[in-house]
Amino acid sequence: GPSRDESSLATAMLEFKAADIGFGVIA
């Protein structure tokens, strides 16, 4: 289901982009 903290999600996505980590989310 949804995450508790949308701002930590946005920050983490930027970290992933900076570190060149590809990802997927299966909900």
PDB file of all heavy atoms in Angstrom:
ATOM      1  N   GLY A   1       0.825  -1.208   0.000  1.00  0.00           N
ATOM      2  CA  GLY A   1       0.000   0.000   0.000  1.00  0.00           C
ATOM      3  C   GLY A   1       0.849   1.244   0.000  1.00  0.00           C
ATOM      4  O   GLY A   1       2.055   1.181  -0.237  1.00  0.00           O
ATOM      5  N   PRO A   2       0.237   2.398   0.265  1.00  0.00           N
ATOM      6  CA  PRO A   2       0.969   3.655   0.215  1.00  0.00           C
ATOM      7  C   PRO A   2       2.002   3.788   1.337  1.00  0.00           C
ATOM      8  O   PRO A   2       1.919   3.099   2.348  1.00  0.00           O
ATOM      9  CB  PRO A   2      -0.116   4.728   0.354  1.00  0.00           C
ATOM     10  CG  PRO A   2      -1.257   4.032   1.005  1.00  0.00           C
ATOM     11  CD  PRO A   2      -1.182   2.594   0.599  1.00  0.00           C
ATOM     12  N   SER A   3       2.958   4.694   1.122  1.00  0.00           N
ATOM     13  CA  SER A   3       4.010   4.935   2.099  1.00  0.00           C
ATOM     14  C   SER A   3       3.517   5.930   3.137  1.00  0.00           C
ATOM     15  O   SER A   3       2.548   6.655   2.913  1.00  0.00           O
ATOM     16  CB  SER A   3       5.244   5.496   1.385  1.00  0.00           C
ATOM     17  OG  SER A   3       6.335   5.539   2.260  1.00  0.00           O
ATOM     18  N   ARG A   4       4.206   5.964   4.262  1.00  0.00           N
ATOM     19  CA  ARG A   4       3.809   6.845   5.355  1.00  0.00           C
ATOM     20  C   ARG A   4       4.282   8.267   5.110  1.00  0.00           C
ATOM     21  O   ARG A   4       3.690   9.221   5.579  1.00  0.00           O
ATOM     22  CB  ARG A   4       4.431   6.285   6.634  1.00  0.00           C
ATOM     23  CG  ARG A   4       4.275   7.120   7.861  1.00  0.00           C
ATOM     24  CD  ARG A   4       5.080   6.525   8.968  1.00  0.00           C
ATOM     25  NE  ARG A   4       6.506   6.648   8.679  1.00  0.00           N
ATOM     26  CZ  ARG A   4       7.428   6.862   9.590  1.00  0.00           C
ATOM     27  NH1 ARG A   4       7.103   6.944  10.839  1.00  0.00           N
ATOM     28  NH2 ARG A   4       8.689   6.982   9.262  1.00  0.00           N
ATOM     29  N   ASP A   5       5.387   8.409   4.368  1.00  0.00           N
ATOM     30  CA  ASP A   5       6.061   9.697   4.306  1.00  0.00           C
ATOM     31  C   ASP A   5       6.442  10.028   2.860  1.00  0.00           C
ATOM     32  O   ASP A   5       7.411   9.513   2.337  1.00  0.00           O
ATOM     33  CB  ASP A   5       7.308   9.623   5.195  1.00  0.00           C
ATOM     34  CG  ASP A   5       8.056  10.945   5.274  1.00  0.00           C
ATOM     35  OD1 ASP A   5       7.766  11.846   4.461  1.00  0.00           O
ATOM     36  OD2 ASP A   5       8.927  11.071   6.136  1.00  0.00           O
ATOM     37  N   GLU A   6       5.627  10.870   2.247  1.00  0.00           N
ATOM     38  CA  GLU A   6       5.854  11.187   0.833  1.00  0.00           C
ATOM     39  C   GLU A   6       7.149  11.974   0.612  1.00  0.00           C
ATOM     40  O   GLU A   6       7.788  11.846  -0.416  1.00  0.00           O
ATOM     41  CB  GLU A   6       4.648  11.957   0.280  1.00  0.00           C
ATOM     42  CG  GLU A   6       4.379  11.597  -1.162  1.00  0.00           C
ATOM     43  CD  GLU A   6       2.992  11.980  -1.652  1.00  0.00           C
ATOM     44  OE1 GLU A   6       2.017  11.904  -0.887  1.00  0.00           O
ATOM     45  OE2 GLU A   6       2.912  12.357  -2.834  1.00  0.00           O
ATOM     46  N   SER A   7       7.562  12.792   1.589  1.00  0.00           N
ATOM     47  CA  SER A   7       8.788  13.584   1.396  1.00  0.00           C
ATOM     48  C   SER A   7      10.027  12.685   1.440  1.00  0.00           C
ATOM     49  O   SER A   7      10.975  12.886   0.684  1.00  0.00           O
ATOM     50  CB  SER A   7       8.890  14.711   2.418  1.00  0.00           C
ATOM     51  OG  SER A   7       9.099  14.187   3.702  1.00  0.00           O
ATOM     52  N   SER A   8      10.030  11.653   2.305  1.00  0.00           N
ATOM     53  CA  SER A   8      11.180  10.740   2.333  1.00  0.00           C
ATOM     54  C   SER A   8      11.244   9.948   1.035  1.00  0.00           C
ATOM     55  O   SER A   8      12.317   9.601   0.549  1.00  0.00           O
ATOM     56  CB  SER A   8      11.133   9.802   3.551  1.00  0.00           C
ATOM     57  OG  SER A   8      10.283   8.704   3.346  1.00  0.00           O
ATOM     58  N   LEU A   9      10.096   9.707   0.437  1.00  0.00           N
ATOM     59  CA  LEU A   9      10.022   8.999  -0.843  1.00  0.00           C
ATOM     60  C   LEU A   9      10.645   9.850  -1.947  1.00  0.00           C
ATOM     61  O   LEU A   9      11.466   9.362  -2.732  1.00  0.00           O
ATOM     62  CB  LEU A   9       8.548   8.703  -1.145  1.00  0.00           C
ATOM     63  CG  LEU A   9       8.197   7.734  -2.245  1.00  0.00           C
ATOM     64  CD1 LEU A   9       8.882   6.401  -2.058  1.00  0.00           C
ATOM     65  CD2 LEU A   9       6.679   7.549  -2.288  1.00  0.00           C
ATOM     66  N   ALA A  10      10.298  11.126  -1.988  1.00  0.00           N
ATOM     67  CA  ALA A  10      10.847  12.032  -3.010  1.00  0.00           C
ATOM     68  C   ALA A  10      12.366  12.168  -2.851  1.00  0.00           C
ATOM     69  O   ALA A  10      13.112  12.118  -3.831  1.00  0.00           O
ATOM     70  CB  ALA A  10      10.175  13.401  -2.903  1.00  0.00           C
ATOM     71  N   THR A  11      12.835  12.300  -1.616  1.00  0.00           N
ATOM     72  CA  THR A  11      14.274  12.403  -1.338  1.00  0.00           C
ATOM     73  C   THR A  11      14.998  11.140  -1.793  1.00  0.00           C
ATOM     74  O   THR A  11      16.044  11.200  -2.440  1.00  0.00           O
ATOM     75  CB  THR A  11      14.510  12.620   0.175  1.00  0.00           C
ATOM     76  OG1 THR A  11      13.801  13.793   0.571  1.00  0.00           O
ATOM     77  CG2 THR A  11      15.977  12.763   0.502  1.00  0.00           C
ATOM     78  N   ALA A  12      14.426   9.979  -1.461  1.00  0.00           N
ATOM     79  CA  ALA A  12      15.046   8.701  -1.818  1.00  0.00           C
ATOM     80  C   ALA A  12      15.120   8.531  -3.331  1.00  0.00           C
ATOM     81  O   ALA A  12      16.105   8.002  -3.855  1.00  0.00           O
ATOM     82  CB  ALA A  12      14.271   7.554  -1.183  1.00  0.00           C
ATOM     83  N   MET A  13      14.100   8.985  -4.031  1.00  0.00           N
ATOM     84  CA  MET A  13      14.115   8.865  -5.492  1.00  0.00           C
ATOM     85  C   MET A  13      15.241   9.699  -6.094  1.00  0.00           C
ATOM     86  O   MET A  13      15.881   9.280  -7.055  1.00  0.00           O
ATOM     87  CB  MET A  13      12.762   9.242  -6.068  1.00  0.00           C
ATOM     88  CG  MET A  13      11.722   8.202  -5.719  1.00  0.00           C
ATOM     89  SD  MET A  13      10.316   8.256  -6.794  1.00  0.00           S
ATOM     90  CE  MET A  13       9.337   6.913  -6.131  1.00  0.00           C
ATOM     91  N   LEU A  14      15.503  10.849  -5.512  1.00  0.00           N
ATOM     92  CA  LEU A  14      16.629  11.672  -5.969  1.00  0.00           C
ATOM     93  C   LEU A  14      17.954  10.978  -5.680  1.00  0.00           C
ATOM     94  O   LEU A  14      18.875  11.005  -6.498  1.00  0.00           O
ATOM     95  CB  LEU A  14      16.592  13.056  -5.310  1.00  0.00           C
ATOM     96  CG  LEU A  14      15.435  13.964  -5.735  1.00  0.00           C
ATOM     97  CD1 LEU A  14      15.398  15.225  -4.882  1.00  0.00           C
ATOM     98  CD2 LEU A  14      15.530  14.311  -7.217  1.00  0.00           C
ATOM     99  N   GLU A  15      18.059  10.338  -4.494  1.00  0.00           N
ATOM    100  CA  GLU A  15      19.269   9.575  -4.147  1.00  0.00           C
ATOM    101  C   GLU A  15      19.504   8.459  -5.164  1.00  0.00           C
ATOM    102  O   GLU A  15      20.617   8.226  -5.603  1.00  0.00           O
ATOM    103  CB  GLU A  15      19.116   8.915  -2.766  1.00  0.00           C
ATOM    104  CG  GLU A  15      19.559   9.758  -1.606  1.00  0.00           C
ATOM    105  CD  GLU A  15      19.495   8.946  -0.307  1.00  0.00           C
ATOM    106  OE1 GLU A  15      20.449   8.202  -0.025  1.00  0.00           O
ATOM    107  OE2 GLU A  15      18.495   9.085   0.413  1.00  0.00           O
ATOM    108  N   PHE A  16      18.431   7.764  -5.536  1.00  0.00           N
ATOM    109  CA  PHE A  16      18.538   6.666  -6.500  1.00  0.00           C
ATOM    110  C   PHE A  16      19.010   7.195  -7.857  1.00  0.00           C
ATOM    111  O   PHE A  16      19.857   6.594  -8.503  1.00  0.00           O
ATOM    112  CB  PHE A  16      17.187   5.954  -6.650  1.00  0.00           C
ATOM    113  CG  PHE A  16      17.060   4.728  -5.798  1.00  0.00           C
ATOM    114  CD1 PHE A  16      17.383   4.755  -4.448  1.00  0.00           C
ATOM    115  CD2 PHE A  16      16.612   3.541  -6.336  1.00  0.00           C
ATOM    116  CE1 PHE A  16      17.268   3.639  -3.655  1.00  0.00           C
ATOM    117  CE2 PHE A  16      16.494   2.394  -5.555  1.00  0.00           C
ATOM    118  CZ  PHE A  16      16.827   2.441  -4.206  1.00  0.00           C
ATOM    119  N   LYS A  17      18.453   8.333  -8.257  1.00  0.00           N
ATOM    120  CA  LYS A  17      18.843   8.921  -9.545  1.00  0.00           C
ATOM    121  C   LYS A  17      20.320   9.313  -9.518  1.00  0.00           C
ATOM    122  O   LYS A  17      21.065   9.006 -10.446  1.00  0.00           O
ATOM    123  CB  LYS A  17      17.956  10.140  -9.833  1.00  0.00           C
ATOM    124  CG  LYS A  17      18.110  10.688 -11.237  1.00  0.00           C
ATOM    125  CD  LYS A  17      16.980  11.645 -11.552  1.00  0.00           C
ATOM    126  CE  LYS A  17      17.141  12.348 -12.864  1.00  0.00           C
ATOM    127  NZ  LYS A  17      17.497  11.527 -13.998  1.00  0.00           N
ATOM    128  N   ALA A  18      20.758   9.943  -8.429  1.00  0.00           N
ATOM    129  CA  ALA A  18      22.158  10.373  -8.293  1.00  0.00           C
ATOM    130  C   ALA A  18      23.116   9.179  -8.297  1.00  0.00           C
ATOM    131  O   ALA A  18      24.217   9.256  -8.835  1.00  0.00           O
ATOM    132  CB  ALA A  18      22.339  11.194  -7.020  1.00  0.00           C
ATOM    133  N   ALA A  19      22.692   8.064  -7.697  1.00  0.00           N
ATOM    134  CA  ALA A  19      23.550   6.875  -7.608  1.00  0.00           C
ATOM    135  C   ALA A  19      23.359   5.943  -8.808  1.00  0.00           C
ATOM    136  O   ALA A  19      23.953   4.880  -8.856  1.00  0.00           O
ATOM    137  CB  ALA A  19      23.255   6.125  -6.309  1.00  0.00           C
ATOM    138  N   ASP A  20      22.507   6.350  -9.755  1.00  0.00           N
ATOM    139  CA  ASP A  20      22.250   5.568 -10.960  1.00  0.00           C
ATOM    140  C   ASP A  20      21.735   4.164 -10.627  1.00  0.00           C
ATOM    141  O   ASP A  20      22.228   3.163 -11.135  1.00  0.00           O
ATOM    142  CB  ASP A  20      23.521   5.495 -11.825  1.00  0.00           C
ATOM    143  CG  ASP A  20      23.183   5.135 -13.269  1.00  0.00           C
ATOM    144  OD1 ASP A  20      22.033   5.389 -13.687  1.00  0.00           O
ATOM    145  OD2 ASP A  20      24.050   4.578 -13.964  1.00  0.00           O
ATOM    146  N   ILE A  21      20.741   4.125  -9.745  1.00  0.00           N
ATOM    147  CA  ILE A  21      20.112   2.858  -9.357  1.00  0.00           C
ATOM    148  C   ILE A  21      18.746   2.792 -10.035  1.00  0.00           C
ATOM    149  O   ILE A  21      17.912   3.676  -9.846  1.00  0.00           O
ATOM    150  CB  ILE A  21      19.918   2.770  -7.823  1.00  0.00           C
ATOM    151  CG1 ILE A  21      21.256   2.896  -7.090  1.00  0.00           C
ATOM    152  CG2 ILE A  21      19.222   1.458  -7.450  1.00  0.00           C
ATOM    153  CD1 ILE A  21      21.125   3.132  -5.588  1.00  0.00           C
ATOM    154  N   GLY A  22      18.537   1.760 -10.822  1.00  0.00           N
ATOM    155  CA  GLY A  22      17.236   1.558 -11.443  1.00  0.00           C
ATOM    156  C   GLY A  22      16.322   0.870 -10.442  1.00  0.00           C
ATOM    157  O   GLY A  22      16.780   0.086  -9.614  1.00  0.00           O
ATOM    158  N   PHE A  23      15.025   1.166 -10.475  1.00  0.00           N
ATOM    159  CA  PHE A  23      14.139   0.514  -9.510  1.00  0.00           C
ATOM    160  C   PHE A  23      12.731   0.394 -10.050  1.00  0.00           C
ATOM    161  O   PHE A  23      12.329   1.075 -10.992  1.00  0.00           O
ATOM    162  CB  PHE A  23      14.123   1.295  -8.185  1.00  0.00           C
ATOM    163  CG  PHE A  23      13.394   2.603  -8.260  1.00  0.00           C
ATOM    164  CD1 PHE A  23      12.071   2.689  -7.870  1.00  0.00           C
ATOM    165  CD2 PHE A  23      14.043   3.732  -8.720  1.00  0.00           C
ATOM    166  CE1 PHE A  23      11.401   3.900  -7.957  1.00  0.00           C
ATOM    167  CE2 PHE A  23      13.378   4.944  -8.805  1.00  0.00           C
ATOM    168  CZ  PHE A  23      12.053   5.029  -8.425  1.00  0.00           C
ATOM    169  N   GLY A  24      12.008  -0.515  -9.426  1.00  0.00           N
ATOM    170  CA  GLY A  24      10.593  -0.686  -9.706  1.00  0.00           C
ATOM    171  C   GLY A  24       9.871  -0.902  -8.397  1.00  0.00           C
ATOM    172  O   GLY A  24      10.469  -1.348  -7.417  1.00  0.00           O
ATOM    173  N   VAL A  25       8.587  -0.549  -8.384  1.00  0.00           N
ATOM    174  CA  VAL A  25       7.759  -0.774  -7.205  1.00  0.00           C
ATOM    175  C   VAL A  25       6.583  -1.630  -7.643  1.00  0.00           C
ATOM    176  O   VAL A  25       5.888  -1.288  -8.602  1.00  0.00           O
ATOM    177  CB  VAL A  25       7.261   0.555  -6.593  1.00  0.00           C
ATOM    178  CG1 VAL A  25       6.330   0.291  -5.409  1.00  0.00           C
ATOM    179  CG2 VAL A  25       8.430   1.427  -6.169  1.00  0.00           C
ATOM    180  N   ILE A  26       6.389  -2.751  -6.974  1.00  0.00           N
ATOM    181  CA  ILE A  26       5.258  -3.627  -7.255  1.00  0.00           C
ATOM    182  C   ILE A  26       4.301  -3.495  -6.084  1.00  0.00           C
ATOM    183  O   ILE A  26       4.613  -3.892  -4.958  1.00  0.00           O
ATOM    184  CB  ILE A  26       5.717  -5.082  -7.450  1.00  0.00           C
ATOM    185  CG1 ILE A  26       6.660  -5.148  -8.659  1.00  0.00           C
ATOM    186  CG2 ILE A  26       4.514  -6.009  -7.618  1.00  0.00           C
ATOM    187  CD1 ILE A  26       7.346  -6.472  -8.862  1.00  0.00           C
ATOM    188  N   ALA A  27       3.138  -2.876  -6.352  1.00  0.00           N
ATOM    189  CA  ALA A  27       2.169  -2.594  -5.298  1.00  0.00           C
ATOM    190  C   ALA A  27       1.054  -3.632  -5.324  1.00  0.00           C
ATOM    191  O   ALA A  27       0.404  -3.818  -6.358  1.00  0.00           O
ATOM    192  CB  ALA A  27       1.604  -1.189  -5.471  1.00  0.00           C
TER     193      ALA A  27
END
